[in-house]
Amino acid sequence: DVQLTFALRQRGLRRLARLVEAVSDPRSSRYGQYLSLERVRDLVQPSTATLMVVLKWLQGHGVETCRSVTTMDFLECRMARILPGAEFHRYVKGQHSVVRSPHPYTVPTELAEHLDFVGGLHRFPAERKMISRAWIKKELEQHRGGRAAFHLGVTPSILRQRYNMTKGDIGLLPNNSQACAQFLEQYFHQADVAEFMKLFGSSFPHRTQVDRVVGHQGIGKAGLEASLDVEYIMSTGANISTWVFSNAGRHESQEPFLAWLLLLSNMSSLPWVHSVSYGDDEDSLSVAYMERVNVEFMKAAARGLTILFASGDDGAGCRRVRSGNHTFRPSFPASSPYVTTVGGTAFKNPFLVTAEVTDYISGGGFSNVFPMPQYQAAAVGKFLHSTPKLPPSSYYNSSGRAYPDLAALSDNYWVVTNRIPLPWVSGTSASTPVVGGMVALINDRRLQQGLAPLGFLNPALYQLREQGHEDALYDVTQGCHVSCLDGAVQGQGFCAGPGWDPVTGCGSPNFPRLLRALLTGAARGRHQ
C-alpha cells in the first residue's frame, strides 16, 4: 500500500490573508494578537460538502484508514493504488527506498473541485547539498600575519563579535523555544552538539542538548547540514530550548516536507521560530502545490510563528527555456511571500572580522508564481529604479515576490559532525539558523516584557528603515551573485547596492539595534 496526503480545499482564505496582515503589521491595532490552532481551524476548515464528498469517495474505494489534522484540511490515507493513471514503483537508492508514481494521476471530476493536490505521488526528496569550500586552505598559509581580529573561519564567538552580541544575549525563559526542520535523511548527533559547545561555546551560557526531536532520528552517520543547523541555532539562540523536526514522514511514500507541514497543522504548542534549509526550483513544482503550501505558511503566520527559509546556494539560478534562451530560476519556498528568506554574506577580508560583502552563492531573485507583496513594494521599487546595471528584463519577473529579506554570514563555518570539527563549511543553510537564533532571542526579551512574539517578520522588517531604525541592519552594498553562463549575463545575476537588493535583502542584523527597534515604538503592539 501507499500513504497519500489529500490536501482538502480550504475556506476563508481571504479572511486569513487580511488577518495575517493585521497581526503582523506593527502599525495595526491587532499587531501580535495571534490565533490559536483551533481558531485557525474555525477559519479554514473545509466545508461539510468537501469532507463528505472526499470521504465517501475514499470509502467507496475501500479506504478505511485515514487520519486528519486539527485544522481538518489534510487527510492522510493508507491505500492500495487507486488513483487512475498513477502506477507506483519502489525506487531504491543506497539504503533508502521511496514509493512514487512516474506517471501523472487523475482524480474524478466530482472530487477535483474539493482537492488542492494529492501528495506522496511524484516528488522525490530534494537533494539540496551544501557547499564545503575546502579549497581555501591553500590561501591560509599566506595569511599567517598577526592582526587584531584575525580568525580562521566562522565560529559562534566570531558571529557574536560581528553582530555585537554580548555574553548576556541569551535566553532566560522556559516558555520560549526555537526549532530547525530537516528533510534530507540526515541526522544530528547529541554528542556532536556537546562537543561543538565544548570547543566553541565557552564565552556564553548555553545548552548542550536538543530538548525535543519530532520524527525519526536515524542511527546513521551525522549529516553535515543537520549538524550545522542545530549547532548554530543553539549557539546563536544560546540557552533557548531547541526542537528538531527530523524527516517526520512515517511511511516511505510520504514526502518529509509535507509531513512537516502536517505536523504544524496538528500541534497546538510549537516553538515560535523555525529555521529551514530546504528548497526546490519553482518550475519543478505545480502551481497548485505551491499555492497550497503558501497557505500553510499563512496559517503559521496567523499563529505568530516565524518561519525562516534559506534562500539557496545557486545565486539567481539559471534555466534554459524552450526558445533556447535562458532565464533566472527562482527557488521555493524561498519565494513564498509568507516566509522570511535569508541570504548569505562573507567577510570582505576572509580572515578578519570586517564589513560584509555578498557571498556569490547567495540565492535571490523574483518569483514567477507569487506577486510582489505590499510590504516590500517600496523597497524593491527603489532597487529596480535606482540600480545602475540590471540584468536583461527577460531574465526575471520584476513584479514577483522578491527575495531574500535579509542575510547573514554564510561562508567558512566550523561544524562538528561525527565528533570531528570541520572547517570551511558554507551555504545559506548556515546563515538561516543564525538569524533564527537571533529572532528567538528577541522573542525571549519580548516575552519577558509581556509582549507577543514577533510572528511573521517581514512587515516589521521592511518598516525598520522608514521608522528611523536603519542602523538595525548592516547594509551590504558590494558584490554580485552567480547566474547563467551565457553571452548576455556572463555568469552574473544581481548585484548588491544601497538598501534592499535581491542578493542580501535588507542587510545583516546589528543585534543590539535590531533588538531595540523590535522592542520599542509601534513594534510593542498590544500586550498578550
Protein backbone atom coordinates (compact mmCIF):
# COMPACT_ATOMS: atom_id res chain seq x y z
CA ASP A 1 0.00 0.00 0.00
CA VAL A 2 0.96 3.65 -0.24
CA GLN A 3 0.27 6.60 2.01
CA LEU A 4 -1.25 9.56 0.21
CA THR A 5 -1.92 13.02 1.57
CA PHE A 6 -5.10 14.69 0.35
CA ALA A 7 -4.97 18.48 0.65
CA LEU A 8 -8.64 19.42 1.00
CA ARG A 9 -9.94 22.71 -0.39
CA GLN A 10 -9.95 25.29 2.41
CA ARG A 11 -12.38 28.11 3.17
CA GLY A 12 -11.87 31.63 4.43
CA LEU A 13 -8.57 32.30 2.65
CA ARG A 14 -9.30 35.98 2.00
CA ARG A 15 -10.13 36.47 5.66
CA LEU A 16 -6.97 34.59 6.62
CA ALA A 17 -4.86 36.89 4.42
CA ARG A 18 -6.41 40.01 5.99
CA LEU A 19 -5.92 38.60 9.46
CA VAL A 20 -2.24 37.80 8.83
CA GLU A 21 -1.72 41.37 7.63
CA ALA A 22 -3.36 42.76 10.78
CA VAL A 23 -1.47 40.64 13.32
CA SER A 24 1.92 41.02 11.56
CA ASP A 25 1.95 44.77 10.85
CA PRO A 26 3.32 46.84 13.76
CA ARG A 27 1.11 49.76 12.66
CA SER A 28 -2.07 47.72 13.08
CA SER A 29 -4.16 47.81 16.26
CA ARG A 30 -4.27 44.00 16.12
CA TYR A 31 -0.48 43.54 15.94
CA GLY A 32 0.59 40.46 17.90
CA GLN A 33 -2.97 39.23 18.59
CA TYR A 34 -2.38 35.76 17.21
CA LEU A 35 -4.85 32.92 16.84
CA SER A 36 -4.75 29.51 18.48
CA LEU A 37 -4.59 26.47 16.20
CA GLU A 38 -8.28 25.85 16.98
CA ARG A 39 -9.21 29.38 15.87
CA VAL A 40 -7.23 28.85 12.65
CA ARG A 41 -9.23 25.64 12.13
CA ASP A 42 -12.52 27.53 12.52
CA LEU A 43 -11.33 29.91 9.81
CA VAL A 44 -10.03 27.48 7.17
CA GLN A 45 -11.63 24.10 7.73
CA PRO A 46 -13.17 22.64 4.58
CA SER A 47 -16.92 22.75 4.06
CA THR A 48 -19.01 19.78 5.18
CA ALA A 49 -19.70 19.10 1.49
CA THR A 50 -15.97 18.80 0.77
CA LEU A 51 -15.41 16.41 3.67
CA MET A 52 -18.46 14.31 2.70
CA VAL A 53 -17.56 14.01 -0.99
CA VAL A 54 -13.93 13.06 -0.35
CA LEU A 55 -14.66 10.62 2.49
CA LYS A 56 -17.46 8.99 0.53
CA TRP A 57 -15.19 8.51 -2.48
CA LEU A 58 -12.46 7.02 -0.28
CA GLN A 59 -14.90 4.65 1.43
CA GLY A 60 -16.28 3.62 -1.95
CA HIS A 61 -12.75 2.51 -2.84
CA GLY A 62 -12.39 0.54 0.37
CA VAL A 63 -10.08 3.00 2.10
CA GLU A 64 -10.70 2.67 5.82
CA THR A 65 -7.61 4.14 7.46
CA CYS A 66 -7.38 7.90 7.18
CA ARG A 67 -6.09 10.41 9.70
CA SER A 68 -6.96 14.08 9.73
CA VAL A 69 -5.14 17.02 11.31
CA THR A 70 -6.51 19.56 13.82
CA THR A 71 -7.33 22.07 11.08
CA MET A 72 -9.28 19.35 9.16
CA ASP A 73 -7.77 20.40 5.82
CA PHE A 74 -5.48 17.39 5.24
CA LEU A 75 -6.25 13.69 5.18
CA GLU A 76 -3.52 11.07 5.28
CA CYS A 77 -4.71 7.74 3.97
CA ARG A 78 -3.07 4.33 3.64
CA MET A 79 -4.42 2.87 0.46
CA ALA A 80 -3.95 0.34 -2.31
CA ARG A 81 -3.09 2.05 -5.60
CA ILE A 82 -6.40 3.50 -6.72
CA LEU A 83 -5.74 6.79 -8.47
CA PRO A 84 -6.38 6.41 -12.19
CA GLY A 85 -3.17 6.90 -14.19
CA ALA A 86 -0.79 6.52 -11.27
CA GLU A 87 1.48 3.49 -11.22
CA PHE A 88 3.54 3.07 -8.10
CA HIS A 89 7.07 1.77 -8.06
CA ARG A 90 9.60 1.47 -5.30
CA TYR A 91 12.75 3.45 -6.03
CA VAL A 92 15.81 2.43 -4.09
CA LYS A 93 18.95 4.48 -3.57
CA GLY A 94 21.53 3.19 -1.12
CA GLN A 95 19.63 2.05 1.98
CA HIS A 96 16.64 4.28 1.29
CA SER A 97 13.57 3.50 -0.72
CA VAL A 98 10.60 5.64 -1.71
CA VAL A 99 7.35 4.68 -3.37
CA ARG A 100 6.37 7.03 -6.20
CA SER A 101 4.43 7.09 -9.43
CA PRO A 102 6.32 8.19 -12.55
CA HIS A 103 3.01 8.95 -14.31
CA PRO A 104 0.52 11.74 -13.64
CA TYR A 105 -2.63 10.89 -11.71
CA THR A 106 -6.18 11.98 -12.32
CA VAL A 107 -8.97 12.31 -9.79
CA PRO A 108 -12.64 12.11 -10.78
CA THR A 109 -14.21 15.46 -11.74
CA GLU A 110 -16.60 15.44 -8.80
CA LEU A 111 -13.58 15.18 -6.49
CA ALA A 112 -11.28 17.67 -8.21
CA GLU A 113 -13.08 20.79 -7.00
CA HIS A 114 -12.64 19.64 -3.39
CA LEU A 115 -8.88 18.98 -3.53
CA ASP A 116 -5.82 21.22 -3.95
CA PHE A 117 -3.43 18.33 -4.60
CA VAL A 118 -2.63 14.74 -3.64
CA GLY A 119 0.82 14.40 -2.07
CA GLY A 120 3.18 11.45 -1.87
CA LEU A 121 2.91 10.57 -5.55
CA HIS A 122 5.62 12.04 -7.69
CA ARG A 123 8.15 14.08 -5.85
CA PHE A 124 11.43 12.61 -4.73
CA PRO A 125 13.05 14.21 -1.69
CA ALA A 126 15.17 17.14 -2.90
CA GLU A 127 18.91 16.65 -2.81
CA ARG A 128 19.93 20.15 -1.79
CA LYS A 129 23.58 19.75 -0.87
CA MET A 130 25.61 22.28 0.96
CA ILE A 131 28.88 23.60 -0.34
CA SER A 132 32.00 22.86 1.63
CA ARG A 133 34.83 25.03 0.37
CA ALA A 134 37.96 23.12 1.25
CA TRP A 135 39.98 24.90 -1.45
CA ILE A 136 40.53 27.98 0.74
CA LYS A 137 43.01 26.03 2.85
CA LYS A 138 45.86 26.75 0.43
CA GLU A 139 45.43 30.51 0.88
CA LEU A 140 45.70 30.12 4.63
CA GLU A 141 49.43 29.64 4.51
CA GLN A 142 49.99 33.13 3.08
CA HIS A 143 47.85 34.87 5.70
CA ARG A 144 49.65 33.98 8.91
CA GLY A 145 50.44 37.65 9.70
CA GLY A 146 49.10 38.82 13.08
CA ARG A 147 46.13 41.21 13.16
CA ALA A 148 43.72 42.18 15.90
CA ALA A 149 40.66 40.16 14.98
CA PHE A 150 42.44 37.55 12.85
CA HIS A 151 40.40 34.38 12.64
CA LEU A 152 40.40 31.09 10.77
CA GLY A 153 36.76 30.64 9.95
CA VAL A 154 33.37 31.47 11.44
CA THR A 155 32.53 30.20 14.94
CA PRO A 156 29.90 31.32 17.47
CA SER A 157 32.28 33.83 19.06
CA ILE A 158 33.11 35.36 15.65
CA LEU A 159 29.37 35.71 14.94
CA ARG A 160 28.79 37.29 18.34
CA GLN A 161 31.63 39.73 17.68
CA ARG A 162 30.42 40.68 14.20
CA TYR A 163 26.78 41.12 15.20
CA ASN A 164 27.58 42.88 18.51
CA MET A 165 26.11 40.22 20.79
CA THR A 166 27.31 40.08 24.38
CA LYS A 167 27.52 37.08 26.69
CA GLY A 168 24.33 38.42 28.27
CA ASP A 169 22.43 37.89 25.00
CA ILE A 170 21.00 34.51 25.92
CA GLY A 171 17.54 33.09 26.50
CA LEU A 172 16.13 33.15 30.03
CA LEU A 173 12.53 31.95 29.69
CA PRO A 174 11.36 28.36 29.99
CA ASN A 175 8.34 29.01 27.71
CA ASN A 176 10.38 30.20 24.70
CA SER A 177 11.74 27.78 22.11
CA GLN A 178 13.23 27.54 18.62
CA ALA A 179 13.41 24.76 16.04
CA CYS A 180 15.07 23.61 12.88
CA ALA A 181 13.48 21.24 10.39
CA GLN A 182 15.45 18.69 8.40
CA PHE A 183 14.29 16.62 5.46
CA LEU A 184 17.31 15.09 3.75
CA GLU A 185 17.59 11.72 5.52
CA GLN A 186 20.26 13.39 7.61
CA TYR A 187 20.61 13.34 11.33
CA PHE A 188 22.39 15.28 14.02
CA HIS A 189 24.02 13.56 16.98
CA GLN A 190 23.62 14.90 20.52
CA ALA A 191 27.31 14.06 21.09
CA ASP A 192 28.29 16.41 18.24
CA VAL A 193 26.31 19.28 19.78
CA ALA A 194 28.02 18.69 23.14
CA GLU A 195 31.46 18.56 21.51
CA PHE A 196 30.75 21.70 19.46
CA MET A 197 29.74 23.63 22.59
CA LYS A 198 32.83 22.39 24.42
CA LEU A 199 35.05 23.70 21.61
CA PHE A 200 33.21 26.89 20.69
CA GLY A 201 30.74 27.79 23.46
CA SER A 202 32.98 28.79 26.36
CA SER A 203 32.27 32.55 26.08
CA PHE A 204 28.49 32.42 26.73
CA PRO A 205 26.00 30.34 28.76
CA HIS A 206 24.42 27.65 26.54
CA ARG A 207 22.64 24.31 26.44
CA THR A 208 24.32 21.17 25.12
CA GLN A 209 21.21 19.09 24.35
CA VAL A 210 18.34 19.33 21.90
CA ASP A 211 15.22 19.14 24.07
CA ARG A 212 12.85 17.51 21.66
CA VAL A 213 13.13 15.56 18.41
CA VAL A 214 9.91 15.23 16.41
CA GLY A 215 10.06 12.49 13.78
CA HIS A 216 12.71 9.81 13.21
CA GLN A 217 16.26 10.29 14.23
CA GLY A 218 18.11 7.68 12.19
CA ILE A 219 21.08 5.85 13.61
CA GLY A 220 23.35 6.51 10.64
CA LYS A 221 26.24 8.93 10.44
CA ALA A 222 25.52 12.54 11.26
CA GLY A 223 24.92 14.77 8.24
CA LEU A 224 26.87 17.97 7.75
CA GLU A 225 23.74 20.04 7.10
CA ALA A 226 21.88 18.63 10.09
CA SER A 227 24.84 19.29 12.40
CA LEU A 228 25.27 22.84 11.05
CA ASP A 229 21.60 23.80 11.61
CA VAL A 230 21.42 22.57 15.17
CA GLU A 231 24.83 23.82 16.30
CA TYR A 232 24.32 27.35 15.01
CA ILE A 233 20.70 27.88 16.07
CA MET A 234 21.71 26.67 19.57
CA SER A 235 24.86 28.80 19.82
CA THR A 236 23.22 31.98 18.44
CA GLY A 237 19.91 31.49 20.23
CA ALA A 238 22.01 30.45 23.21
CA ASN A 239 20.33 28.84 26.20
CA ILE A 240 16.96 28.64 24.40
CA SER A 241 15.11 25.34 24.35
CA THR A 242 15.55 23.78 20.89
CA TRP A 243 13.49 21.27 18.94
CA VAL A 244 14.46 19.40 15.79
CA PHE A 245 11.88 18.22 13.26
CA SER A 246 13.60 15.33 11.56
CA ASN A 247 12.19 13.52 8.48
CA ALA A 248 8.80 13.41 10.05
CA GLY A 249 7.14 11.11 7.48
CA ARG A 250 6.14 7.75 8.94
CA HIS A 251 5.90 5.94 5.63
CA GLU A 252 8.19 5.65 2.62
CA SER A 253 5.62 7.10 0.22
CA GLN A 254 5.35 10.25 2.32
CA GLU A 255 7.27 13.34 1.47
CA PRO A 256 9.16 14.68 4.52
CA PHE A 257 8.49 18.36 3.77
CA LEU A 258 4.75 17.72 3.51
CA ALA A 259 4.85 15.66 6.69
CA TRP A 260 6.40 18.66 8.48
CA LEU A 261 3.61 20.97 7.23
CA LEU A 262 1.03 18.49 8.52
CA LEU A 263 2.71 18.46 11.94
CA LEU A 264 2.45 22.27 12.06
CA SER A 265 -1.30 21.91 11.49
CA ASN A 266 -1.61 19.25 14.15
CA MET A 267 0.42 20.57 17.10
CA SER A 268 -1.17 23.26 19.21
CA SER A 269 2.01 24.22 21.02
CA LEU A 270 5.09 24.74 18.87
CA PRO A 271 8.35 26.70 19.02
CA TRP A 272 7.91 30.34 17.95
CA VAL A 273 10.80 30.22 15.43
CA HIS A 274 11.55 27.63 12.73
CA SER A 275 14.72 27.60 10.61
CA VAL A 276 14.52 25.55 7.41
CA SER A 277 17.30 24.97 4.87
CA TYR A 278 15.28 23.32 2.14
CA GLY A 279 14.26 24.33 -1.33
CA ASP A 280 13.32 23.32 -4.83
CA ASP A 281 13.13 25.17 -8.14
CA GLU A 282 9.74 26.85 -8.61
CA ASP A 283 9.48 25.40 -12.11
CA SER A 284 9.76 21.82 -10.81
CA LEU A 285 6.61 22.16 -8.68
CA SER A 286 2.95 22.54 -9.62
CA VAL A 287 1.39 25.95 -9.03
CA ALA A 288 -1.47 24.30 -7.10
CA TYR A 289 1.06 22.71 -4.73
CA MET A 290 2.99 25.97 -4.17
CA GLU A 291 -0.19 27.99 -3.61
CA ARG A 292 -1.40 25.50 -1.02
CA VAL A 293 2.00 25.40 0.76
CA ASN A 294 1.86 29.20 0.80
CA VAL A 295 -1.50 29.00 2.63
CA GLU A 296 0.15 26.70 5.19
CA PHE A 297 2.68 29.49 5.86
CA MET A 298 -0.22 31.95 6.23
CA LYS A 299 -1.72 29.66 8.86
CA ALA A 300 1.63 29.65 10.70
CA ALA A 301 1.81 33.46 10.48
CA ALA A 302 -1.71 33.78 11.94
CA ARG A 303 -0.46 31.80 14.98
CA GLY A 304 2.59 34.04 15.48
CA LEU A 305 5.22 31.61 14.20
CA THR A 306 8.32 32.97 12.45
CA ILE A 307 9.34 30.69 9.57
CA LEU A 308 12.77 31.30 8.06
CA PHE A 309 13.94 29.68 4.83
CA ALA A 310 17.42 29.61 3.33
CA SER A 311 17.47 31.49 0.01
CA GLY A 312 19.50 28.72 -1.69
CA ASP A 313 23.09 28.37 -2.87
CA ASP A 314 22.70 28.94 -6.62
CA GLY A 315 22.67 32.73 -6.82
CA ALA A 316 19.99 33.84 -9.27
CA GLY A 317 19.88 30.30 -10.70
CA CYS A 318 19.60 29.51 -14.37
CA ARG A 319 17.11 27.73 -16.57
CA ARG A 320 17.06 27.11 -20.30
CA VAL A 321 13.60 27.84 -21.68
CA ARG A 322 12.00 26.29 -24.76
CA SER A 323 13.21 29.01 -27.11
CA GLY A 324 16.78 28.08 -26.19
CA ASN A 325 17.21 31.33 -24.22
CA HIS A 326 17.97 31.50 -20.52
CA THR A 327 16.13 32.94 -17.55
CA PHE A 328 16.98 33.06 -13.86
CA ARG A 329 15.49 30.29 -11.73
CA PRO A 330 13.68 31.21 -8.50
CA SER A 331 13.52 28.76 -5.63
CA PHE A 332 10.51 27.81 -3.47
CA PRO A 333 9.65 28.13 -0.53
CA ALA A 334 12.25 30.95 -0.56
CA SER A 335 9.87 32.78 -2.91
CA SER A 336 6.79 32.46 -0.69
CA PRO A 337 5.54 35.88 0.42
CA TYR A 338 4.69 34.48 3.89
CA VAL A 339 8.14 33.32 4.99
CA THR A 340 11.28 35.29 5.85
CA THR A 341 14.06 34.31 3.46
CA VAL A 342 17.71 34.52 4.48
CA GLY A 343 20.56 35.10 2.02
CA GLY A 344 24.31 34.91 2.55
CA THR A 345 27.28 37.23 3.04
CA ALA A 346 31.03 36.82 3.50
CA PHE A 347 33.65 38.90 5.32
CA LYS A 348 35.31 41.38 2.99
CA ASN A 349 38.64 40.08 4.25
CA PRO A 350 38.05 36.38 4.92
CA PHE A 351 40.47 36.35 7.87
CA LEU A 352 39.28 39.46 9.72
CA VAL A 353 36.04 40.44 11.40
CA THR A 354 35.28 43.20 8.90
CA ALA A 355 32.31 44.56 6.99
CA GLU A 356 30.37 42.04 4.94
CA VAL A 357 30.10 41.72 1.16
CA THR A 358 27.81 39.37 -0.74
CA ASP A 359 28.52 35.65 -0.78
CA TYR A 360 28.35 34.91 -4.51
CA ILE A 361 26.25 31.77 -3.95
CA SER A 362 23.51 33.72 -2.07
CA GLY A 363 20.15 32.76 -3.61
CA GLY A 364 17.87 35.60 -4.65
CA GLY A 365 15.54 36.95 -7.30
CA PHE A 366 11.87 37.30 -8.16
CA SER A 367 9.10 34.70 -8.04
CA ASN A 368 7.35 33.67 -11.25
CA VAL A 369 4.35 32.48 -9.22
CA PHE A 370 3.67 34.92 -6.36
CA PRO A 371 3.06 38.63 -6.95
CA MET A 372 5.10 41.19 -5.03
CA PRO A 373 3.56 41.74 -1.57
CA GLN A 374 2.74 45.27 -0.47
CA TYR A 375 5.13 45.21 2.50
CA GLN A 376 8.18 45.19 0.20
CA ALA A 377 6.88 47.16 -2.79
CA ALA A 378 8.59 50.45 -1.88
CA ALA A 379 11.98 48.91 -1.05
CA VAL A 380 12.07 46.70 -4.15
CA GLY A 381 10.75 49.51 -6.36
CA LYS A 382 13.63 51.68 -5.20
CA PHE A 383 16.13 48.95 -6.10
CA LEU A 384 14.63 48.45 -9.57
CA HIS A 385 14.61 52.19 -10.32
CA SER A 386 17.96 53.19 -8.91
CA THR A 387 20.30 50.27 -9.71
CA PRO A 388 22.81 51.32 -12.37
CA LYS A 389 23.03 47.92 -14.12
CA LEU A 390 20.20 45.41 -14.01
CA PRO A 391 20.22 42.08 -15.87
CA PRO A 392 18.10 42.00 -19.09
CA SER A 393 14.41 42.20 -18.15
CA SER A 394 13.62 38.90 -19.92
CA TYR A 395 15.61 37.06 -17.23
CA TYR A 396 13.28 37.79 -14.31
CA ASN A 397 9.75 38.81 -13.37
CA SER A 398 10.16 42.27 -11.82
CA SER A 399 6.58 42.21 -10.47
CA GLY A 400 7.08 38.97 -8.48
CA ARG A 401 7.74 38.43 -4.78
CA ALA A 402 11.38 39.44 -4.37
CA TYR A 403 13.78 37.64 -2.02
CA PRO A 404 15.82 37.33 0.21
CA ASP A 405 14.51 39.56 3.02
CA LEU A 406 17.76 39.74 4.98
CA ALA A 407 21.12 37.95 5.16
CA ALA A 408 23.93 36.85 7.46
CA LEU A 409 27.38 35.27 7.11
CA SER A 410 27.24 32.04 5.10
CA ASP A 411 30.90 31.39 4.36
CA ASN A 412 33.63 29.35 6.08
CA TYR A 413 31.88 27.95 9.15
CA TRP A 414 33.27 25.42 11.60
CA VAL A 415 30.94 22.46 12.20
CA VAL A 416 31.36 19.38 14.38
CA THR A 417 30.00 16.29 12.68
CA ASN A 418 30.63 12.67 13.74
CA ARG A 419 32.80 14.11 16.55
CA ILE A 420 35.16 15.78 14.06
CA PRO A 421 35.48 19.59 13.77
CA LEU A 422 35.33 20.50 10.07
CA PRO A 423 36.25 23.96 8.76
CA TRP A 424 35.17 25.87 5.62
CA VAL A 425 31.52 24.81 5.51
CA SER A 426 29.41 27.29 3.55
CA GLY A 427 25.87 27.89 2.33
CA THR A 428 22.73 29.82 3.23
CA SER A 429 21.95 26.78 5.37
CA ALA A 430 24.47 28.40 7.76
CA SER A 431 23.06 31.95 7.75
CA THR A 432 19.45 30.83 8.29
CA PRO A 433 19.81 29.19 11.74
CA VAL A 434 21.97 32.15 12.85
CA VAL A 435 19.15 34.58 12.05
CA GLY A 436 16.71 32.10 13.61
CA GLY A 437 18.63 32.15 16.89
CA MET A 438 18.64 35.97 16.91
CA VAL A 439 14.86 36.14 16.31
CA ALA A 440 14.36 33.64 19.16
CA LEU A 441 16.47 35.85 21.46
CA ILE A 442 14.38 38.91 20.56
CA ASN A 443 11.23 36.87 21.26
CA ASP A 444 12.71 35.96 24.64
CA ARG A 445 13.09 39.63 25.55
CA ARG A 446 9.61 40.48 24.18
CA LEU A 447 8.02 37.68 26.21
CA GLN A 448 9.88 38.87 29.34
CA GLN A 449 8.20 42.27 28.84
CA GLY A 450 4.75 40.76 28.33
CA LEU A 451 4.76 41.41 24.57
CA ALA A 452 3.72 38.95 21.88
CA PRO A 453 6.42 37.09 19.90
CA LEU A 454 7.44 38.61 16.55
CA GLY A 455 5.47 36.20 14.35
CA PHE A 456 5.69 36.80 10.61
CA LEU A 457 8.62 39.19 10.49
CA ASN A 458 8.57 40.78 7.04
CA PRO A 459 6.17 43.71 7.54
CA ALA A 460 8.18 44.85 10.61
CA LEU A 461 11.50 44.22 8.82
CA TYR A 462 10.72 46.40 5.81
CA GLN A 463 9.39 49.17 8.08
CA LEU A 464 12.66 49.48 10.07
CA ARG A 465 14.19 51.96 7.63
CA GLU A 466 11.18 54.27 7.38
CA GLN A 467 10.87 54.31 11.19
CA GLY A 468 14.40 55.64 11.57
CA HIS A 469 15.99 52.30 12.51
CA GLU A 470 18.30 51.96 9.50
CA ASP A 471 21.12 51.05 11.93
CA ALA A 472 19.25 47.85 12.91
CA LEU A 473 20.67 46.15 9.81
CA TYR A 474 24.11 46.46 8.24
CA ASP A 475 23.56 47.44 4.62
CA VAL A 476 25.60 45.15 2.35
CA THR A 477 26.42 47.08 -0.83
CA GLN A 478 29.27 45.20 -2.52
CA GLY A 479 29.37 42.11 -4.67
CA CYS A 480 27.12 40.15 -7.04
CA HIS A 481 25.82 36.61 -7.09
CA VAL A 482 26.14 33.97 -9.80
CA SER A 483 23.72 33.06 -12.60
CA CYS A 484 23.69 31.83 -16.21
CA LEU A 485 26.99 31.36 -18.02
CA ASP A 486 25.92 32.93 -21.32
CA GLY A 487 26.79 35.87 -23.54
CA ALA A 488 24.11 38.14 -22.12
CA VAL A 489 24.82 37.96 -18.37
CA GLN A 490 28.18 36.12 -18.32
CA GLY A 491 27.58 34.30 -15.06
CA GLN A 492 26.44 37.36 -13.11
CA GLY A 493 22.99 37.71 -11.55
CA PHE A 494 22.01 40.71 -9.47
CA CYS A 495 24.40 42.90 -7.51
CA ALA A 496 24.11 44.32 -4.01
CA GLY A 497 23.54 48.04 -3.57
CA PRO A 498 22.26 50.56 -1.03
CA GLY A 499 19.00 49.49 0.66
CA TRP A 500 17.24 46.26 -0.28
CA ASP A 501 18.70 44.08 -3.07
CA PRO A 502 17.99 40.55 -4.39
CA VAL A 503 21.32 39.21 -3.04
CA THR A 504 21.38 40.26 0.63
CA GLY A 505 17.84 41.61 1.15
CA CYS A 506 17.71 44.50 3.64
CA GLY A 507 21.14 43.58 5.05
CA SER A 508 22.54 41.63 8.02
CA PRO A 509 21.50 42.05 11.68
CA ASN A 510 23.16 44.52 14.03
CA PHE A 511 21.77 42.65 17.01
CA PRO A 512 21.53 45.29 19.80
CA ARG A 513 19.99 47.86 17.43
CA LEU A 514 17.61 45.32 15.91
CA LEU A 515 16.58 44.21 19.41
CA ARG A 516 15.94 47.82 20.43
CA ALA A 517 13.96 48.57 17.25
CA LEU A 518 11.77 45.50 17.77
CA LEU A 519 11.13 46.23 21.46
CA THR A 520 10.11 49.87 21.10
CA GLY A 521 7.60 52.11 19.32
CA ALA A 522 4.98 50.53 17.10
CA ALA A 523 6.66 47.14 17.47
CA ARG A 524 5.46 46.94 21.09
CA GLY A 525 1.92 46.23 19.90
CA ARG A 526 -0.66 45.07 22.41
CA HIS A 527 0.21 43.01 25.45
CA GLN A 528 -0.69 39.35 25.22
